[in-house]
PDB file of N, CA and C in Angstrom:
ATOM      1  N   MET A   1       0.859  -1.104  -0.199  1.00  0.00           N
ATOM      2  CA  MET A   1       0.643   0.154   0.240  1.00  0.00           C
ATOM      3  C   MET A   1       0.843   1.151   0.003  1.00  0.00           C
ATOM      4  N   PRO A   2       0.573   2.341  -0.610  1.00  0.00           N
ATOM      5  CA  PRO A   2       1.687   3.261  -0.963  1.00  0.00           C
ATOM      6  C   PRO A   2       1.325   4.137   0.408  1.00  0.00           C
ATOM      7  N   ARG A   3       2.340   4.771   0.809  1.00  0.00           N
ATOM      8  CA  ARG A   3       1.721   6.060   1.864  1.00  0.00           C
ATOM      9  C   ARG A   3       2.481   7.144   1.304  1.00  0.00           C
ATOM     10  N   ILE A   4       1.415   8.056   1.247  1.00  0.00           N
ATOM     11  CA  ILE A   4       1.269   9.690   1.215  1.00  0.00           C
ATOM     12  C   ILE A   4       2.308  10.395   2.196  1.00  0.00           C
ATOM     13  N   ALA A   5       2.649  11.308   2.366  1.00  0.00           N
ATOM     14  CA  ALA A   5       3.319  12.148   3.216  1.00  0.00           C
ATOM     15  C   ALA A   5       2.123  13.323   3.467  1.00  0.00           C
ATOM     16  N   TRP A   6       1.994  13.775   4.427  1.00  0.00           N
ATOM     17  CA  TRP A   6       1.466  14.982   4.770  1.00  0.00           C
ATOM     18  C   TRP A   6       2.027  16.058   5.451  1.00  0.00           C
ATOM     19  N   VAL A   7       1.109  17.118   5.455  1.00  0.00           N
ATOM     20  CA  VAL A   7       1.641  18.202   6.753  1.00  0.00           C
ATOM     21  C   VAL A   7       0.852  18.415   7.881  1.00  0.00           C
ATOM     22  N   GLU A   8       1.617  18.138   8.935  1.00  0.00           N
ATOM     23  CA  GLU A   8       1.132  17.942  10.163  1.00  0.00           C
ATOM     24  C   GLU A   8       0.264  19.178  10.749  1.00  0.00           C
ATOM     25  N   ASP A   9      -0.725  19.743  11.569  1.00  0.00           N
ATOM     26  CA  ASP A   9      -0.662  20.917  12.266  1.00  0.00           C
ATOM     27  C   ASP A   9      -0.004  21.654  12.536  1.00  0.00           C
ATOM     28  N   ASP A  10       1.265  21.386  13.121  1.00  0.00           N
ATOM     29  CA  ASP A  10       2.027  22.002  13.991  1.00  0.00           C
ATOM     30  C   ASP A  10       3.185  22.896  12.770  1.00  0.00           C
ATOM     31  N   ASP A  11       3.086  21.737  11.542  1.00  0.00           N
ATOM     32  CA  ASP A  11       4.001  21.913  10.626  1.00  0.00           C
ATOM     33  C   ASP A  11       3.332  23.112   9.471  1.00  0.00           C
ATOM     34  N   ALA A  12       2.093  23.188   9.760  1.00  0.00           N
ATOM     35  CA  ALA A  12       1.239  23.589   8.521  1.00  0.00           C
ATOM     36  C   ALA A  12       1.151  25.437   8.878  1.00  0.00           C
ATOM     37  N   ARG A  13       2.187  26.024   7.529  1.00  0.00           N
ATOM     38  CA  ARG A  13       2.060  27.643   7.464  1.00  0.00           C
ATOM     39  C   ARG A  13       1.162  28.185   6.295  1.00  0.00           C
ATOM     40  N   GLY A  14       1.027  29.432   6.502  1.00  0.00           N
ATOM     41  CA  GLY A  14       0.339  30.288   5.479  1.00  0.00           C
ATOM     42  C   GLY A  14      -1.156  29.697   5.014  1.00  0.00           C
ATOM     43  N   GLU A  15      -1.205  29.799   3.589  1.00  0.00           N
ATOM     44  CA  GLU A  15      -2.323  29.464   3.075  1.00  0.00           C
ATOM     45  C   GLU A  15      -2.920  28.087   3.610  1.00  0.00           C
ATOM     46  N   LEU A  16      -1.961  27.228   3.955  1.00  0.00           N
ATOM     47  CA  LEU A  16      -2.591  25.812   4.319  1.00  0.00           C
ATOM     48  C   LEU A  16      -2.822  25.634   6.117  1.00  0.00           C
ATOM     49  N   ALA A  17      -2.319  26.620   6.766  1.00  0.00           N
ATOM     50  CA  ALA A  17      -2.597  27.437   8.336  1.00  0.00           C
ATOM     51  C   ALA A  17      -4.290  27.150   7.782  1.00  0.00           C
ATOM     52  N   GLY A  18      -4.419  28.338   7.010  1.00  0.00           N
ATOM     53  CA  GLY A  18      -5.848  28.763   7.257  1.00  0.00           C
ATOM     54  C   GLY A  18      -6.810  27.656   7.110  1.00  0.00           C
ATOM     55  N   VAL A  19      -6.601  26.742   6.030  1.00  0.00           N
ATOM     56  CA  VAL A  19      -7.501  26.108   4.761  1.00  0.00           C
ATOM     57  C   VAL A  19      -7.649  25.054   6.329  1.00  0.00           C
ATOM     58  N   PHE A  20      -6.211  24.152   6.815  1.00  0.00           N
ATOM     59  CA  PHE A  20      -6.862  23.335   8.138  1.00  0.00           C
ATOM     60  C   PHE A  20      -7.412  24.028   9.171  1.00  0.00           C
ATOM     61  N   ALA A  21      -7.286  25.439   9.670  1.00  0.00           N
ATOM     62  CA  ALA A  21      -8.513  26.228  10.642  1.00  0.00           C
ATOM     63  C   ALA A  21     -10.359  25.789  10.113  1.00  0.00           C
ATOM     64  N   GLU A  22     -10.023  25.916   9.094  1.00  0.00           N
ATOM     65  CA  GLU A  22     -11.418  26.214   8.466  1.00  0.00           C
ATOM     66  C   GLU A  22     -12.171  24.659   8.621  1.00  0.00           C
ATOM     67  N   ILE A  23     -11.369  23.838   8.168  1.00  0.00           N
ATOM     68  CA  ILE A  23     -11.961  22.248   8.134  1.00  0.00           C
ATOM     69  C   ILE A  23     -11.796  21.975   9.470  1.00  0.00           C
ATOM     70  N   ARG A  24     -10.946  22.208  10.326  1.00  0.00           N
ATOM     71  CA  ARG A  24     -11.439  21.799  11.873  1.00  0.00           C
ATOM     72  C   ARG A  24     -12.287  22.217  12.183  1.00  0.00           C
ATOM     73  N   ASP A  25     -12.522  23.320  11.808  1.00  0.00           N
ATOM     74  CA  ASP A  25     -13.614  24.512  12.999  1.00  0.00           C
ATOM     75  C   ASP A  25     -15.358  23.902  12.411  1.00  0.00           C
ATOM     76  N   ARG A  26     -15.487  23.192  11.072  1.00  0.00           N
ATOM     77  CA  ARG A  26     -16.334  22.517  10.759  1.00  0.00           C
ATOM     78  C   ARG A  26     -16.776  20.811  11.023  1.00  0.00           C
ATOM     79  N   ASN A  27     -15.677  20.557  11.465  1.00  0.00           N
ATOM     80  CA  ASN A  27     -15.081  19.308  11.392  1.00  0.00           C
ATOM     81  C   ASN A  27     -15.765  18.969  13.400  1.00  0.00           C
ATOM     82  N   ALA A  28     -16.535  17.807  13.196  1.00  0.00           N
ATOM     83  CA  ALA A  28     -17.370  17.463  14.794  1.00  0.00           C
ATOM     84  C   ALA A  28     -16.151  17.006  15.596  1.00  0.00           C
ATOM     85  N   ARG A  29     -15.166  16.539  15.252  1.00  0.00           N
ATOM     86  CA  ARG A  29     -14.105  16.347  16.385  1.00  0.00           C
ATOM     87  C   ARG A  29     -12.938  17.099  16.246  1.00  0.00           C
ATOM     88  N   GLY A  30     -13.149  18.315  15.736  1.00  0.00           N
ATOM     89  CA  GLY A  30     -12.427  19.666  15.740  1.00  0.00           C
ATOM     90  C   GLY A  30     -10.823  19.253  14.907  1.00  0.00           C
ATOM     91  N   GLN A  31     -10.953  17.980  14.313  1.00  0.00           N
ATOM     92  CA  GLN A  31      -9.330  17.100  13.346  1.00  0.00           C
ATOM     93  C   GLN A  31      -9.518  17.291  12.024  1.00  0.00           C
ATOM     94  N   VAL A  32      -8.690  17.174  11.188  1.00  0.00           N
ATOM     95  CA  VAL A  32      -8.722  17.413   9.576  1.00  0.00           C
ATOM     96  C   VAL A  32      -8.443  16.288   8.856  1.00  0.00           C
ATOM     97  N   PRO A  33      -9.274  15.462   8.783  1.00  0.00           N
ATOM     98  CA  PRO A  33      -9.048  14.012   8.229  1.00  0.00           C
ATOM     99  C   PRO A  33      -8.176  13.514   7.879  1.00  0.00           C
ATOM    100  N   ALA A  34      -8.195  12.580   7.630  1.00  0.00           N
ATOM    101  CA  ALA A  34      -6.476  12.011   6.971  1.00  0.00           C
ATOM    102  C   ALA A  34      -6.713  11.933   5.812  1.00  0.00           C
ATOM    103  N   ILE A  35      -7.827  11.486   5.311  1.00  0.00           N
ATOM    104  CA  ILE A  35      -8.159  11.571   3.569  1.00  0.00           C
ATOM    105  C   ILE A  35      -8.157  13.135   3.328  1.00  0.00           C
ATOM    106  N   LEU A  36      -8.082  14.179   3.900  1.00  0.00           N
ATOM    107  CA  LEU A  36      -8.031  15.696   2.992  1.00  0.00           C
ATOM    108  C   LEU A  36      -6.338  15.823   3.645  1.00  0.00           C
ATOM    109  N   ARG A  37      -5.721  15.712   4.599  1.00  0.00           N
ATOM    110  CA  ARG A  37      -4.588  15.613   4.831  1.00  0.00           C
ATOM    111  C   ARG A  37      -3.738  15.507   4.068  1.00  0.00           C
ATOM    112  N   THR A  38      -4.129  13.853   3.080  1.00  0.00           N
ATOM    113  CA  THR A  38      -3.089  13.805   1.611  1.00  0.00           C
ATOM    114  C   THR A  38      -2.924  14.960   0.685  1.00  0.00           C
ATOM    115  N   MET A  39      -3.724  15.834   0.481  1.00  0.00           N
ATOM    116  CA  MET A  39      -3.535  16.729  -0.065  1.00  0.00           C
ATOM    117  C   MET A  39      -3.062  18.422   0.367  1.00  0.00           C
ATOM    118  N   SER A  40      -2.294  17.834   1.115  1.00  0.00           N
ATOM    119  CA  SER A  40      -1.957  19.531   2.329  1.00  0.00           C
ATOM    120  C   SER A  40      -0.654  19.824   1.462  1.00  0.00           C
ATOM    121  N   HIS A  41       0.195  19.189   0.690  1.00  0.00           N
ATOM    122  CA  HIS A  41       1.208  20.061  -0.046  1.00  0.00           C
ATOM    123  C   HIS A  41       0.895  20.727  -0.832  1.00  0.00           C
ATOM    124  N   GLN A  42      -0.918  20.854  -1.874  1.00  0.00           N
ATOM    125  CA  GLN A  42      -1.151  21.708  -2.560  1.00  0.00           C
ATOM    126  C   GLN A  42      -2.510  22.324  -1.765  1.00  0.00           C
ATOM    127  N   PRO A  43      -2.354  23.522  -1.090  1.00  0.00           N
ATOM    128  CA  PRO A  43      -3.596  24.257  -0.043  1.00  0.00           C
ATOM    129  C   PRO A  43      -4.633  24.521  -1.073  1.00  0.00           C
ATOM    130  N   GLY A  44      -4.062  24.794  -2.089  1.00  0.00           N
ATOM    131  CA  GLY A  44      -5.315  25.681  -3.171  1.00  0.00           C
ATOM    132  C   GLY A  44      -6.482  24.763  -3.606  1.00  0.00           C
ATOM    133  N   PHE A  45      -5.725  23.101  -4.371  1.00  0.00           N
ATOM    134  CA  PHE A  45      -6.301  22.208  -4.253  1.00  0.00           C
ATOM    135  C   PHE A  45      -7.209  21.541  -3.032  1.00  0.00           C
ATOM    136  N   LEU A  46      -6.616  21.050  -1.938  1.00  0.00           N
ATOM    137  CA  LEU A  46      -7.145  20.798  -0.791  1.00  0.00           C
ATOM    138  C   LEU A  46      -8.498  22.119  -0.374  1.00  0.00           C
ATOM    139  N   ALA A  47      -8.462  23.096  -0.830  1.00  0.00           N
ATOM    140  CA  ALA A  47      -9.705  23.742  -0.346  1.00  0.00           C
ATOM    141  C   ALA A  47     -10.746  23.860  -0.941  1.00  0.00           C
ATOM    142  N   ALA A  48     -10.344  23.394  -2.563  1.00  0.00           N
ATOM    143  CA  ALA A  48     -11.290  23.427  -3.533  1.00  0.00           C
ATOM    144  C   ALA A  48     -12.078  21.642  -3.198  1.00  0.00           C
ATOM    145  N   ILE A  49     -11.421  20.886  -3.237  1.00  0.00           N
ATOM    146  CA  ILE A  49     -11.665  19.170  -2.326  1.00  0.00           C
ATOM    147  C   ILE A  49     -12.597  19.727  -1.403  1.00  0.00           C
ATOM    148  N   ASP A  50     -12.202  20.304  -0.327  1.00  0.00           N
ATOM    149  CA  ASP A  50     -12.854  20.637   0.587  1.00  0.00           C
ATOM    150  C   ASP A  50     -14.556  21.424   0.910  1.00  0.00           C
ATOM    151  N   ARG A  51     -14.422  22.477  -0.448  1.00  0.00           N
ATOM    152  CA  ARG A  51     -15.068  23.495  -1.030  1.00  0.00           C
ATOM    153  C   ARG A  51     -16.271  22.453  -1.520  1.00  0.00           C
ATOM    154  N   ALA A  52     -16.105  21.723  -2.423  1.00  0.00           N
ATOM    155  CA  ALA A  52     -16.812  20.921  -3.134  1.00  0.00           C
ATOM    156  C   ALA A  52     -17.525  19.494  -2.726  1.00  0.00           C
ATOM    157  N   SER A  53     -16.428  18.842  -1.449  1.00  0.00           N
ATOM    158  CA  SER A  53     -17.087  18.015  -0.569  1.00  0.00           C
ATOM    159  C   SER A  53     -18.330  18.478   0.192  1.00  0.00           C
ATOM    160  N   SER A  54     -18.211  19.358   0.981  1.00  0.00           N
ATOM    161  CA  SER A  54     -18.977  20.664   1.650  1.00  0.00           C
ATOM    162  C   SER A  54     -20.218  20.480   0.873  1.00  0.00           C
ATOM    163  N   LEU A  55     -19.879  21.126  -0.499  1.00  0.00           N
ATOM    164  CA  LEU A  55     -21.401  21.599  -1.230  1.00  0.00           C
ATOM    165  C   LEU A  55     -22.172  20.536  -1.670  1.00  0.00           C
ATOM    166  N   LEU A  56     -21.370  19.107  -1.832  1.00  0.00           N
ATOM    167  CA  LEU A  56     -22.116  18.312  -3.460  1.00  0.00           C
ATOM    168  C   LEU A  56     -21.934  17.131  -2.411  1.00  0.00           C
ATOM    169  N   HIS A  57     -21.369  16.742  -1.751  1.00  0.00           N
ATOM    170  CA  HIS A  57     -21.085  15.041  -1.454  1.00  0.00           C
ATOM    171  C   HIS A  57     -21.821  15.017   0.089  1.00  0.00           C
ATOM    172  N   PHE A  58     -21.510  16.051   0.848  1.00  0.00           N
ATOM    173  CA  PHE A  58     -21.886  15.869   2.590  1.00  0.00           C
ATOM    174  C   PHE A  58     -23.245  16.949   2.430  1.00  0.00           C
ATOM    175  N   ARG A  59     -24.090  17.162   1.830  1.00  0.00           N
ATOM    176  CA  ARG A  59     -25.626  17.837   1.975  1.00  0.00           C
ATOM    177  C   ARG A  59     -26.497  16.742   1.403  1.00  0.00           C
ATOM    178  N   ASP A  60     -27.772  16.858   1.795  1.00  0.00           N
ATOM    179  CA  ASP A  60     -28.744  16.109   1.965  1.00  0.00           C
ATOM    180  C   ASP A  60     -29.258  16.462   0.099  1.00  0.00           C
ATOM    181  N   GLY A  61     -29.358  15.847  -0.536  1.00  0.00           N
ATOM    182  CA  GLY A  61     -30.182  16.105  -1.817  1.00  0.00           C
ATOM    183  C   GLY A  61     -31.150  14.981  -2.380  1.00  0.00           C
ATOM    184  N   ALA A  62     -30.917  13.942  -3.547  1.00  0.00           N
ATOM    185  CA  ALA A  62     -31.542  13.144  -4.242  1.00  0.00           C
ATOM    186  C   ALA A  62     -31.075  11.800  -2.965  1.00  0.00           C
ATOM    187  N   LEU A  63     -29.740  11.968  -2.234  1.00  0.00           N
ATOM    188  CA  LEU A  63     -28.962  11.117  -1.132  1.00  0.00           C
ATOM    189  C   LEU A  63     -29.292  11.716  -0.142  1.00  0.00           C
ATOM    190  N   SER A  64     -29.078  11.051   1.230  1.00  0.00           N
ATOM    191  CA  SER A  64     -29.067  11.895   2.529  1.00  0.00           C
ATOM    192  C   SER A  64     -27.532  11.977   3.021  1.00  0.00           C
ATOM    193  N   ARG A  65     -27.217  12.664   3.590  1.00  0.00           N
ATOM    194  CA  ARG A  65     -26.160  12.574   4.359  1.00  0.00           C
ATOM    195  C   ARG A  65     -25.715  11.170   4.893  1.00  0.00           C
ATOM    196  N   ALA A  66     -26.522  10.648   5.287  1.00  0.00           N
ATOM    197  CA  ALA A  66     -26.444   9.297   6.113  1.00  0.00           C
ATOM    198  C   ALA A  66     -26.560   8.378   4.479  1.00  0.00           C
ATOM    199  N   GLN A  67     -26.848   8.271   3.520  1.00  0.00           N
ATOM    200  CA  GLN A  67     -26.686   7.260   2.567  1.00  0.00           C
ATOM    201  C   GLN A  67     -25.419   7.604   1.705  1.00  0.00           C
ATOM    202  N   HIS A  68     -25.090   8.675   1.647  1.00  0.00           N
ATOM    203  CA  HIS A  68     -23.360   8.647   1.092  1.00  0.00           C
ATOM    204  C   HIS A  68     -22.964   8.273   2.072  1.00  0.00           C
ATOM    205  N   GLU A  69     -22.850   8.422   3.656  1.00  0.00           N
ATOM    206  CA  GLU A  69     -21.657   7.614   4.038  1.00  0.00           C
ATOM    207  C   GLU A  69     -21.868   6.109   3.728  1.00  0.00           C
ATOM    208  N   MET A  70     -22.918   6.060   3.856  1.00  0.00           N
ATOM    209  CA  MET A  70     -23.384   4.233   3.787  1.00  0.00           C
ATOM    210  C   MET A  70     -22.300   3.817   2.837  1.00  0.00           C
ATOM    211  N   ILE A  71     -22.592   4.190   1.701  1.00  0.00           N
ATOM    212  CA  ILE A  71     -21.944   3.944   0.570  1.00  0.00           C
ATOM    213  C   ILE A  71     -20.749   4.125   0.522  1.00  0.00           C
ATOM    214  N   ALA A  72     -20.297   5.149   1.189  1.00  0.00           N
ATOM    215  CA  ALA A  72     -19.058   5.483   1.274  1.00  0.00           C
ATOM    216  C   ALA A  72     -18.097   4.136   1.866  1.00  0.00           C
ATOM    217  N   SER A  73     -18.906   3.661   2.920  1.00  0.00           N
ATOM    218  CA  SER A  73     -18.340   3.344   3.959  1.00  0.00           C
ATOM    219  C   SER A  73     -18.472   1.564   3.065  1.00  0.00           C
ATOM    220  N   HIS A  74     -19.201   1.260   2.594  1.00  0.00           N
ATOM    221  CA  HIS A  74     -19.403   0.152   1.907  1.00  0.00           C
ATOM    222  C   HIS A  74     -18.221  -0.281   0.742  1.00  0.00           C
ATOM    223  N   VAL A  75     -18.104   0.880   0.323  1.00  0.00           N
ATOM    224  CA  VAL A  75     -17.221   0.858  -1.180  1.00  0.00           C
ATOM    225  C   VAL A  75     -15.609   0.661  -0.175  1.00  0.00           C
ATOM    226  N   ALA A  76     -15.217   1.476   0.598  1.00  0.00           N
ATOM    227  CA  ALA A  76     -14.337   1.327   1.324  1.00  0.00           C
ATOM    228  C   ALA A  76     -14.007   0.005   2.061  1.00  0.00           C
ATOM    229  N   ALA A  77     -14.849  -0.782   2.445  1.00  0.00           N
ATOM    230  CA  ALA A  77     -14.764  -1.963   2.678  1.00  0.00           C
ATOM    231  C   ALA A  77     -14.846  -3.034   1.880  1.00  0.00           C
ATOM    232  N   ILE A  78     -15.167  -2.912   1.189  1.00  0.00           N
ATOM    233  CA  ILE A  78     -14.965  -3.617  -0.762  1.00  0.00           C
ATOM    234  C   ILE A  78     -13.516  -3.574  -0.374  1.00  0.00           C
ATOM    235  N   ASN A  79     -13.168  -2.382  -0.821  1.00  0.00           N
ATOM    236  CA  ASN A  79     -11.823  -2.377  -1.470  1.00  0.00           C
ATOM    237  C   ASN A  79     -10.580  -2.512  -0.115  1.00  0.00           C
ATOM    238  N   ARG A  80     -11.494  -2.943   0.983  1.00  0.00           N
ATOM    239  CA  ARG A  80     -10.157  -3.080   2.395  1.00  0.00           C
ATOM    240  C   ARG A  80      -9.238  -1.836   2.554  1.00  0.00           C
ATOM    241  N   CYS A  81     -10.148  -0.050   2.500  1.00  0.00           N
ATOM    242  CA  CYS A  81      -9.474   0.921   2.558  1.00  0.00           C
ATOM    243  C   CYS A  81     -10.463   1.199   4.055  1.00  0.00           C
ATOM    244  N   HIS A  82      -9.423   1.468   4.854  1.00  0.00           N
ATOM    245  CA  HIS A  82     -10.056   2.348   5.869  1.00  0.00           C
ATOM    246  C   HIS A  82     -11.106   3.566   6.111  1.00  0.00           C
ATOM    247  N   TYR A  83     -10.275   4.348   4.648  1.00  0.00           N
ATOM    248  CA  TYR A  83     -11.615   5.668   4.707  1.00  0.00           C
ATOM    249  C   TYR A  83     -12.956   5.163   4.227  1.00  0.00           C
TER     250      TYR A  83
END
């Protein structure tokens, strides 16, 4: 399994520190999820993915958030991925 290096909270500076702060503020656990940290070397891309995820993936629409989460969990289990 490949490993992706990411930036830890204490090492985040500038734009990345701001993006991390926004993500932590919205996260129920006050954390930046590991899947988002994998994009930490490209703060602009991370911010765009986070916005898209917030607006599209984790909103009720054709599917509820719970249904999105169930599908994501099922696919992750099939792929043996803890995300």
